[in-house]
């Protein structure tokens, strides 16, 4: 198992609270990298709350499904031809041991390859047959995305231990099923597989794809030019092929009378995991993180603790990275762990210090909200709210150093004073530019390396 990643957890925070203070924030960085050690061996927690565990048990292979929108609108602007090229590119970069399928989506789902409701193992023969089947795709009908996802969920159910990933492509809104039907499908599929999505053209709804990928722990992007689909599909598939550990979860314990206010993924994208909590023990809950390869992600935790007297110290939260045990009734395997600490002080300099990483991610969360609220107000004709919120986004984009978002904002507003966020809405904004800003609002940038911890565990 020397090719599997080794997991680490690092906690960045200012552990000091003023007398009577209650709210503790921390950034938990989870990394998987390097050579692995013996499975199940755990390391000690250091001053920063970081800990290392041994490697995870390997996933039972990989399973990949490509879902292509084949509704009638895909026949325009070269989208269907581009989707075929993209699907072929994805098929060509899948490993030979992967179980896979291709689904066409319209008013309902249709198996393109293989025949029958099943996944097949990739080989030279099945690859050739799948490529031929993709070449016969045509466009007709409507859009009912929930039904497409439900079929994928049924196919993945036969591969419970595998790294399960789907690619979803659509060019339009989910017009041929109700919101309730889509929500039901997402409830059924949550935890069954991870789904990354792409919206091609300019007629799809970013709020819809955001809801889908948030429920299924994936990401989505806009692809205004259909010719770019091939690159996107290849990139998504290569990333999926690099995932080695399935069904990873962040397990958080909090003490009695404490409350975990939220858990949010902040890197690589902003994603609120708070509502996905699954109780896993006394004062303990699990938050699903999906499948992992060699990568690093960052999470923002906020814990409300009972107020304490000056000098009191406590563990505000105990975070662990876990995967399911080898057998259905086996306990979860712990991969890494770390502590969120709290200490009450009458030293105002200590208690008012704001951890740089906490401040950075708080700004990124506010930036995403400001952009989405500003664009929604603009669509509704509320120019005052749109101007105020997008102006605030200009200030925040500079503050957190998100140059891509700053550039996209320049296409939507004229920036009169970047320091104060004084802007004027542009009159003629392309739908593609608006979609790009909305879609990429949640894609974040990292801070620099965390400052070295002082001996008492605080961040310098």
Protein backbone atom coordinates (compact mmCIF):
# COMPACT_ATOMS: atom_id res chain seq x y z
CA UNK A 1 0.00 0.00 0.00
CA UNK A 2 2.99 2.30 -0.46
CA UNK A 3 1.18 4.19 -3.22
CA UNK A 4 -1.63 5.41 -0.95
CA UNK A 5 -1.57 8.89 0.60
CA UNK A 6 -0.71 9.76 4.18
CA UNK A 7 -3.20 12.07 5.86
CA UNK A 8 -2.49 15.04 8.13
CA UNK A 9 -4.58 17.61 9.97
CA UNK A 10 -3.33 21.09 10.91
CA UNK A 11 -5.38 23.52 13.02
CA UNK A 12 -4.81 27.30 12.74
CA UNK A 13 -6.50 29.51 15.34
CA UNK A 14 -6.09 32.08 18.07
CA UNK A 15 -7.09 30.00 21.12
CA UNK A 16 -7.48 33.00 23.45
CA UNK A 17 -10.90 34.33 24.42
CA UNK A 18 -11.73 37.28 26.69
CA UNK A 19 -13.32 36.49 30.05
CA UNK A 20 -16.83 35.26 29.30
CA UNK A 21 -16.09 34.85 25.56
CA UNK A 22 -17.94 32.06 23.78
CA UNK A 23 -17.15 31.88 20.04
CA UNK A 24 -14.04 30.05 18.78
CA UNK A 25 -13.03 29.96 15.10
CA UNK A 26 -10.43 27.66 13.56
CA UNK A 27 -9.18 26.67 10.11
CA UNK A 28 -8.62 22.94 9.74
CA UNK A 29 -6.29 22.03 6.88
CA UNK A 30 -6.56 18.41 5.76
CA UNK A 31 -3.78 17.08 3.56
CA UNK A 32 -3.08 13.78 1.85
CA UNK A 33 0.38 13.42 0.42
CA UNK A 34 3.67 11.53 0.42
CA UNK A 35 4.58 7.93 1.10
CA UNK A 36 2.41 5.96 3.44
CA UNK A 37 3.21 4.18 6.63
CA UNK A 38 1.54 1.27 8.35
CA UNK A 39 -2.21 1.30 8.18
CA UNK A 40 -3.88 2.45 11.36
CA UNK A 41 -0.83 3.88 13.15
CA UNK A 42 -1.58 7.25 14.70
CA UNK A 43 0.73 10.08 15.69
CA UNK A 44 0.71 12.46 18.62
CA UNK A 45 -0.86 15.91 18.51
CA UNK A 46 1.57 18.79 18.32
CA UNK A 47 1.39 22.38 19.51
CA UNK A 48 -0.62 23.51 16.49
CA UNK A 49 -3.15 20.73 16.89
CA UNK A 50 -1.65 18.86 13.93
CA UNK A 51 -1.54 15.10 13.84
CA UNK A 52 -0.55 12.43 11.36
CA UNK A 53 -2.02 8.99 10.96
CA UNK A 54 -1.10 6.04 8.80
CA UNK A 55 -2.51 5.40 5.36
CA UNK A 56 -6.12 4.55 4.69
CA UNK A 57 -7.25 1.21 3.43
CA UNK A 58 -7.45 1.32 -0.38
CA UNK A 59 -10.79 1.77 -2.10
CA UNK A 60 -12.20 -1.24 -3.91
CA UNK A 61 -11.41 0.21 -7.33
CA UNK A 62 -13.02 3.14 -9.11
CA UNK A 63 -16.38 3.66 -10.79
CA UNK A 64 -17.02 6.45 -13.29
CA UNK A 65 -20.22 7.53 -15.07
CA UNK A 66 -20.47 10.17 -17.80
CA UNK A 67 -23.90 11.85 -18.05
CA UNK A 68 -24.44 13.81 -21.27
CA UNK A 69 -27.38 16.16 -21.79
CA UNK A 70 -28.90 15.13 -25.13
CA UNK A 71 -31.93 17.44 -25.04
CA UNK A 72 -32.93 19.17 -28.27
CA UNK A 73 -31.05 22.38 -27.49
CA UNK A 74 -27.75 20.47 -27.57
CA UNK A 75 -28.10 20.26 -31.37
CA UNK A 76 -27.31 23.99 -31.67
CA UNK A 77 -23.99 25.87 -31.72
CA UNK A 78 -21.92 22.70 -32.10
CA UNK A 79 -22.67 21.55 -28.54
CA UNK A 80 -23.54 17.95 -29.39
CA UNK A 81 -20.42 17.40 -31.47
CA UNK A 82 -18.31 18.98 -28.73
CA UNK A 83 -19.97 16.80 -26.07
CA UNK A 84 -19.09 13.68 -28.09
CA UNK A 85 -15.45 14.74 -28.34
CA UNK A 86 -15.41 15.47 -24.62
CA UNK A 87 -16.93 12.10 -23.69
CA UNK A 88 -14.38 10.32 -25.89
CA UNK A 89 -11.57 12.23 -24.20
CA UNK A 90 -12.85 11.15 -20.78
CA UNK A 91 -13.15 7.52 -21.85
CA UNK A 92 -9.64 7.54 -23.25
CA UNK A 93 -8.03 8.63 -19.96
CA UNK A 94 -9.87 6.12 -17.75
CA UNK A 95 -7.74 3.32 -16.33
CA UNK A 96 -8.30 -0.24 -17.48
CA UNK A 97 -9.53 -1.36 -14.04
CA UNK A 98 -12.31 1.25 -13.80
CA UNK A 99 -15.98 0.25 -13.95
CA UNK A 100 -17.82 2.78 -16.11
CA UNK A 101 -20.94 3.71 -18.07
CA UNK A 102 -22.26 6.48 -20.30
CA UNK A 103 -25.79 7.86 -19.81
CA UNK A 104 -27.71 10.13 -22.19
CA UNK A 105 -30.13 12.51 -20.48
CA UNK A 106 -33.29 14.04 -21.91
CA UNK A 107 -36.87 13.71 -20.56
CA UNK A 108 -35.45 10.60 -18.91
CA UNK A 109 -32.11 8.78 -18.78
CA UNK A 110 -30.97 6.29 -21.42
CA UNK A 111 -28.04 3.87 -21.22
CA UNK A 112 -25.63 4.53 -24.07
CA UNK A 113 -22.99 2.07 -22.91
CA UNK A 114 -23.11 -0.68 -21.82
CA UNK A 115 -26.47 -2.28 -22.55
CA UNK A 116 -28.47 -2.95 -19.42
CA UNK A 117 -28.39 -1.21 -16.03
CA UNK A 118 -24.83 -1.99 -15.01
CA UNK A 119 -21.25 -0.77 -15.11
CA UNK A 120 -18.60 -2.67 -17.02
CA UNK A 121 -14.85 -2.91 -16.49
CA UNK A 122 -12.74 -0.81 -18.81
CA UNK A 123 -10.63 -2.80 -21.28
CA UNK A 124 -9.43 -2.36 -24.83
CA UNK A 125 -12.66 -3.96 -26.07
CA UNK A 126 -15.10 -2.03 -23.87
CA UNK A 127 -13.25 1.22 -24.54
CA UNK A 128 -13.62 0.77 -28.29
CA UNK A 129 -17.31 -0.12 -27.96
CA UNK A 130 -17.99 2.84 -25.68
CA UNK A 131 -16.29 5.24 -28.09
CA UNK A 132 -18.44 3.91 -30.92
CA UNK A 133 -21.61 4.21 -28.83
CA UNK A 134 -20.80 7.84 -27.96
CA UNK A 135 -20.42 8.55 -31.67
CA UNK A 136 -24.08 7.60 -32.17
CA UNK A 137 -25.42 10.16 -29.67
CA UNK A 138 -28.06 12.55 -30.99
CA UNK A 139 -30.06 15.42 -29.48
CA UNK A 140 -33.83 15.37 -28.88
CA UNK A 141 -36.22 15.90 -26.00
CA UNK A 142 -36.20 17.86 -22.76
CA UNK A 143 -34.27 18.13 -19.50
CA UNK A 144 -34.96 16.12 -16.31
CA UNK A 145 -31.64 16.07 -14.46
CA UNK A 146 -32.94 14.38 -11.32
CA UNK A 147 -33.90 11.28 -13.26
CA UNK A 148 -30.42 11.13 -14.81
CA UNK A 149 -28.77 11.31 -11.41
CA UNK A 150 -31.12 8.68 -9.99
CA UNK A 151 -30.05 6.22 -12.67
CA UNK A 152 -26.40 6.93 -11.87
CA UNK A 153 -27.12 6.31 -8.19
CA UNK A 154 -28.65 2.92 -8.95
CA UNK A 155 -25.64 1.93 -11.05
CA UNK A 156 -23.16 3.04 -8.38
CA UNK A 157 -25.04 1.12 -5.67
CA UNK A 158 -23.44 -2.12 -6.90
CA UNK A 159 -19.95 -0.70 -6.18
CA UNK A 160 -20.16 0.41 -2.52
CA UNK A 161 -16.44 0.37 -1.71
CA UNK A 162 -15.21 2.05 -4.87
CA UNK A 163 -14.30 5.68 -5.48
CA UNK A 164 -17.56 6.68 -7.22
CA UNK A 165 -17.55 9.75 -9.47
CA UNK A 166 -19.88 11.16 -12.13
CA UNK A 167 -19.48 13.90 -14.72
CA UNK A 168 -22.67 15.82 -15.55
CA UNK A 169 -22.98 18.03 -18.64
CA UNK A 170 -26.01 20.20 -19.35
CA UNK A 171 -26.82 23.22 -21.49
CA UNK A 172 -30.19 24.14 -20.04
CA UNK A 173 -32.51 24.43 -17.08
CA UNK A 174 -34.21 21.47 -15.41
CA UNK A 175 -37.59 22.20 -17.01
CA UNK A 176 -39.14 18.75 -17.34
CA UNK A 177 -39.39 17.70 -13.71
CA UNK A 178 -40.41 19.55 -10.56
CA UNK A 179 -38.07 21.04 -7.98
CA UNK A 180 -39.39 18.41 -5.57
CA UNK A 181 -38.40 15.61 -7.95
CA UNK A 182 -34.87 16.98 -8.27
CA UNK A 183 -34.60 17.41 -4.48
CA UNK A 184 -35.76 13.82 -3.94
CA UNK A 185 -33.15 12.56 -6.40
CA UNK A 186 -30.41 14.55 -4.67
CA UNK A 187 -31.44 13.15 -1.29
CA UNK A 188 -31.23 9.61 -2.68
CA UNK A 189 -27.84 10.21 -4.34
CA UNK A 190 -26.14 12.12 -1.50
CA UNK A 191 -23.32 9.99 -0.16
CA UNK A 192 -23.63 7.50 -3.02
CA UNK A 193 -21.33 9.33 -5.45
CA UNK A 194 -19.52 12.60 -6.06
CA UNK A 195 -20.63 14.63 -9.07
CA UNK A 196 -18.75 17.37 -10.93
CA UNK A 197 -20.81 19.37 -13.43
CA UNK A 198 -20.26 21.64 -16.39
CA UNK A 199 -22.73 24.09 -17.89
CA UNK A 200 -22.12 24.65 -21.60
CA UNK A 201 -23.37 27.74 -23.40
CA UNK A 202 -25.36 30.43 -21.56
CA UNK A 203 -28.87 29.04 -21.06
CA UNK A 204 -28.32 26.96 -17.90
CA UNK A 205 -28.95 28.02 -14.30
CA UNK A 206 -25.90 28.39 -12.00
CA UNK A 207 -28.09 28.16 -8.87
CA UNK A 208 -29.35 24.79 -10.09
CA UNK A 209 -25.89 23.33 -10.72
CA UNK A 210 -24.68 24.82 -7.44
CA UNK A 211 -27.47 22.97 -5.60
CA UNK A 212 -26.69 19.70 -7.39
CA UNK A 213 -22.94 19.76 -6.87
CA UNK A 214 -23.26 20.97 -3.27
CA UNK A 215 -25.52 18.02 -2.45
CA UNK A 216 -23.13 15.62 -4.21
CA UNK A 217 -19.87 17.15 -2.89
CA UNK A 218 -18.63 18.17 -6.33
CA UNK A 219 -17.84 21.38 -8.16
CA UNK A 220 -19.19 23.05 -11.27
CA UNK A 221 -17.90 25.47 -13.87
CA UNK A 222 -19.15 27.40 -16.85
CA UNK A 223 -17.97 26.47 -20.34
CA UNK A 224 -19.15 29.28 -22.65
CA UNK A 225 -17.31 27.84 -25.67
CA UNK A 226 -18.30 24.22 -26.47
CA UNK A 227 -14.85 23.61 -27.96
CA UNK A 228 -13.43 23.82 -24.41
CA UNK A 229 -15.48 20.84 -23.19
CA UNK A 230 -12.85 18.30 -24.24
CA UNK A 231 -10.27 19.89 -21.94
CA UNK A 232 -12.73 20.04 -19.04
CA UNK A 233 -13.78 16.39 -19.37
CA UNK A 234 -10.21 15.19 -19.61
CA UNK A 235 -9.24 17.23 -16.55
CA UNK A 236 -12.20 16.02 -14.46
CA UNK A 237 -11.56 12.39 -15.36
CA UNK A 238 -7.83 12.58 -14.67
CA UNK A 239 -8.63 14.11 -11.28
CA UNK A 240 -11.10 11.30 -10.53
CA UNK A 241 -8.52 8.69 -11.53
CA UNK A 242 -6.21 10.21 -8.90
CA UNK A 243 -8.66 9.61 -6.05
CA UNK A 244 -7.54 6.66 -3.93
CA UNK A 245 -9.65 6.72 -0.76
CA UNK A 246 -13.47 6.74 -0.82
CA UNK A 247 -16.04 8.09 1.67
CA UNK A 248 -13.74 10.23 3.82
CA UNK A 249 -15.47 12.17 6.62
CA UNK A 250 -14.49 14.88 9.10
CA UNK A 251 -15.55 13.70 12.57
CA UNK A 252 -16.01 16.50 15.10
CA UNK A 253 -16.46 16.03 18.86
CA UNK A 254 -17.50 18.97 21.03
CA UNK A 255 -17.77 19.05 24.85
CA UNK A 256 -21.04 19.13 26.76
CA UNK A 257 -22.95 22.43 26.48
CA UNK A 258 -20.85 23.45 23.45
CA UNK A 259 -22.42 23.92 20.02
CA UNK A 260 -20.79 23.49 16.62
CA UNK A 261 -22.23 26.47 14.77
CA UNK A 262 -20.91 25.60 11.31
CA UNK A 263 -18.44 23.57 9.25
CA UNK A 264 -17.59 25.03 5.84
CA UNK A 265 -15.15 23.90 3.18
CA UNK A 266 -13.15 26.95 2.11
CA UNK A 267 -10.50 25.55 -0.26
CA UNK A 268 -10.72 24.76 -3.13
CA UNK A 269 -14.31 26.09 -3.09
CA UNK A 270 -16.73 27.51 -0.54
CA UNK A 271 -19.22 24.80 0.43
CA UNK A 272 -21.34 24.73 3.59
CA UNK A 273 -21.25 21.24 5.13
CA UNK A 274 -23.17 22.12 8.30
CA UNK A 275 -26.45 20.58 7.20
CA UNK A 276 -24.78 17.33 6.10
CA UNK A 277 -23.94 16.28 9.68
CA UNK A 278 -24.55 12.63 10.56
CA UNK A 279 -24.54 11.82 14.27
CA UNK A 280 -21.78 9.28 14.98
CA UNK A 281 -21.56 9.16 18.77
CA UNK A 282 -22.08 11.10 21.96
CA UNK A 283 -21.49 14.79 21.16
CA UNK A 284 -19.93 13.67 17.85
CA UNK A 285 -20.96 14.20 14.24
CA UNK A 286 -19.50 13.27 10.84
CA UNK A 287 -19.32 15.65 7.86
CA UNK A 288 -18.81 13.94 4.46
CA UNK A 289 -15.78 15.04 2.43
CA UNK A 290 -16.04 12.62 -0.52
CA UNK A 291 -13.10 10.82 -2.12
CA UNK A 292 -9.44 11.83 -1.76
CA UNK A 293 -6.19 11.56 -3.64
CA UNK A 294 -3.00 13.51 -2.97
CA UNK A 295 -4.42 16.96 -2.26
CA UNK A 296 -5.12 19.56 0.41
CA UNK A 297 -8.40 21.18 1.45
CA UNK A 298 -9.26 23.72 4.13
CA UNK A 299 -12.29 23.91 6.44
CA UNK A 300 -13.63 26.69 8.68
CA UNK A 301 -15.11 25.55 12.01
CA UNK A 302 -16.95 27.76 14.48
CA UNK A 303 -17.67 26.39 17.97
CA UNK A 304 -19.74 28.11 20.66
CA UNK A 305 -18.39 27.07 24.06
CA UNK A 306 -19.69 27.76 27.58
CA UNK A 307 -18.07 30.97 28.93
CA UNK A 308 -15.07 30.39 31.19
CA UNK A 309 -13.10 32.22 33.84
CA UNK A 310 -9.67 33.74 33.22
CA UNK A 311 -7.01 31.05 33.16
CA UNK A 312 -9.34 28.19 32.25
CA UNK A 313 -8.26 25.98 29.35
CA UNK A 314 -10.34 23.47 27.42
CA UNK A 315 -10.58 21.48 24.23
CA UNK A 316 -13.27 23.25 22.21
CA UNK A 317 -13.38 20.54 19.55
CA UNK A 318 -11.58 17.33 18.63
CA UNK A 319 -11.43 16.77 14.88
CA UNK A 320 -10.60 13.49 13.21
CA UNK A 321 -10.44 12.26 9.64
CA UNK A 322 -12.20 8.89 9.29
CA UNK A 323 -13.17 6.31 6.67
CA UNK A 324 -15.55 3.35 7.02
CA UNK A 325 -14.13 0.17 8.55
CA UNK A 326 -13.13 -2.78 6.39
CA UNK A 327 -16.31 -4.70 7.30
CA UNK A 328 -19.89 -3.34 7.43
CA UNK A 329 -20.00 -3.55 11.23
CA UNK A 330 -16.36 -2.57 11.84
CA UNK A 331 -15.55 0.75 13.55
CA UNK A 332 -14.40 3.67 11.43
CA UNK A 333 -10.68 3.91 10.74
CA UNK A 334 -9.03 7.11 11.98
CA UNK A 335 -6.59 8.71 9.54
CA UNK A 336 -5.57 11.92 11.36
CA UNK A 337 -6.67 14.12 14.25
CA UNK A 338 -6.26 17.59 15.72
CA UNK A 339 -7.49 19.84 18.53
CA UNK A 340 -9.33 23.17 18.57
CA UNK A 341 -8.35 24.77 21.88
CA UNK A 342 -9.79 27.54 24.03
CA UNK A 343 -8.22 29.52 26.88
CA UNK A 344 -9.69 32.54 28.64
CA UNK A 345 -7.41 35.49 29.34
CA UNK A 346 -7.53 39.06 30.61
CA UNK A 347 -4.71 40.00 28.22
CA UNK A 348 -6.52 42.10 25.62
CA UNK A 349 -3.64 41.83 23.14
CA UNK A 350 -4.01 38.05 23.11
CA UNK A 351 -7.80 37.87 23.02
CA UNK A 352 -8.25 40.44 20.24
CA UNK A 353 -5.61 38.96 17.92
CA UNK A 354 -7.31 37.68 14.73
CA UNK A 355 -5.74 34.60 13.16
CA UNK A 356 -4.70 35.45 9.59
CA UNK A 357 -6.17 32.30 8.07
CA UNK A 358 -9.50 32.76 9.85
CA UNK A 359 -9.67 36.36 8.63
CA UNK A 360 -8.78 35.35 5.07
CA UNK A 361 -11.47 32.69 4.83
CA UNK A 362 -14.10 34.86 6.50
CA UNK A 363 -13.44 37.38 3.73
CA UNK A 364 -13.73 34.71 1.02
CA UNK A 365 -17.09 33.55 2.38
CA UNK A 366 -18.38 37.13 2.42
CA UNK A 367 -17.04 37.68 -1.11
CA UNK A 368 -19.01 34.73 -2.50
CA UNK A 369 -22.19 35.89 -0.77
CA UNK A 370 -21.77 39.50 -1.96
CA UNK A 371 -21.35 38.42 -5.59
CA UNK A 372 -24.30 36.04 -5.59
CA UNK A 373 -26.58 38.54 -3.83
CA UNK A 374 -25.45 41.37 -6.12
CA UNK A 375 -26.06 39.40 -9.31
CA UNK A 376 -29.46 38.21 -8.07
CA UNK A 377 -30.45 41.82 -7.29
CA UNK A 378 -29.26 42.88 -10.75
CA UNK A 379 -31.39 40.19 -12.40
CA UNK A 380 -34.42 41.44 -10.43
CA UNK A 381 -33.80 45.06 -11.44
CA UNK A 382 -32.79 46.23 -7.93
CA UNK A 383 -29.89 48.40 -9.05
CA UNK A 384 -29.22 49.97 -5.63
CA UNK A 385 -28.73 46.61 -3.91
CA UNK A 386 -26.76 45.25 -6.86
CA UNK A 387 -24.42 48.25 -6.83
CA UNK A 388 -23.86 48.05 -3.07
CA UNK A 389 -23.22 44.31 -2.96
CA UNK A 390 -20.99 44.20 -6.05
CA UNK A 391 -19.08 47.21 -4.74
CA UNK A 392 -18.50 45.34 -1.50
CA UNK A 393 -17.29 42.37 -3.59
CA UNK A 394 -14.70 44.61 -5.28
CA UNK A 395 -13.26 45.56 -1.87
CA UNK A 396 -13.24 41.95 -0.65
CA UNK A 397 -11.65 40.57 -3.84
CA UNK A 398 -8.72 42.93 -3.29
CA UNK A 399 -8.55 42.11 0.42
CA UNK A 400 -8.29 38.33 -0.08
CA UNK A 401 -6.12 38.62 -3.20
CA UNK A 402 -8.52 36.91 -5.60
CA UNK A 403 -7.31 38.39 -8.88
CA UNK A 404 -9.52 36.18 -11.05
CA UNK A 405 -12.68 37.40 -9.33
CA UNK A 406 -11.45 41.00 -9.47
CA UNK A 407 -11.03 40.63 -13.24
CA UNK A 408 -14.51 39.14 -13.65
CA UNK A 409 -16.04 41.95 -11.56
CA UNK A 410 -14.45 44.45 -13.97
CA UNK A 411 -16.62 42.98 -16.73
CA UNK A 412 -19.83 43.60 -14.76
CA UNK A 413 -19.16 46.95 -13.03
CA UNK A 414 -17.10 50.07 -13.67
CA UNK A 415 -14.86 50.46 -10.61
CA UNK A 416 -14.68 54.14 -9.66
CA UNK A 417 -12.87 53.69 -6.32
CA UNK A 418 -11.62 50.18 -5.45
CA UNK A 419 -10.72 51.18 -1.88
CA UNK A 420 -14.27 52.18 -0.96
CA UNK A 421 -16.07 49.85 -3.37
CA UNK A 422 -17.64 52.69 -5.33
CA UNK A 423 -18.85 51.14 -8.58
CA UNK A 424 -21.32 51.73 -11.40
CA UNK A 425 -23.22 48.86 -13.02
CA UNK A 426 -22.30 48.31 -16.66
CA UNK A 427 -25.28 48.56 -18.96
CA UNK A 428 -24.29 45.91 -21.50
CA UNK A 429 -23.01 42.77 -19.79
CA UNK A 430 -22.78 39.50 -21.70
CA UNK A 431 -24.61 36.53 -20.26
CA UNK A 432 -21.36 34.57 -20.41
CA UNK A 433 -19.54 37.12 -18.21
CA UNK A 434 -22.38 37.12 -15.67
CA UNK A 435 -22.41 33.31 -15.56
CA UNK A 436 -18.63 33.18 -15.11
CA UNK A 437 -18.72 35.59 -12.17
CA UNK A 438 -21.61 33.74 -10.50
CA UNK A 439 -20.08 30.31 -11.07
CA UNK A 440 -16.55 31.21 -9.96
CA UNK A 441 -17.60 33.26 -6.92
CA UNK A 442 -17.06 30.20 -4.70
CA UNK A 443 -13.63 29.30 -6.07
CA UNK A 444 -11.14 30.51 -3.51
CA UNK A 445 -7.46 31.31 -3.20
CA UNK A 446 -5.09 30.09 -0.50
CA UNK A 447 -3.21 32.18 2.00
CA UNK A 448 0.54 31.85 2.32
CA UNK A 449 2.11 29.25 4.64
CA UNK A 450 0.71 29.31 8.17
CA UNK A 451 2.87 31.22 10.66
CA UNK A 452 4.93 29.07 12.96
CA UNK A 453 3.30 28.20 16.26
CA UNK A 454 4.59 29.62 19.51
CA UNK A 455 5.40 27.17 22.33
CA UNK A 456 2.05 27.86 24.00
CA UNK A 457 0.19 26.83 20.87
CA UNK A 458 -0.83 30.27 19.61
CA UNK A 459 -0.19 31.45 16.06
CA UNK A 460 2.42 34.14 15.65
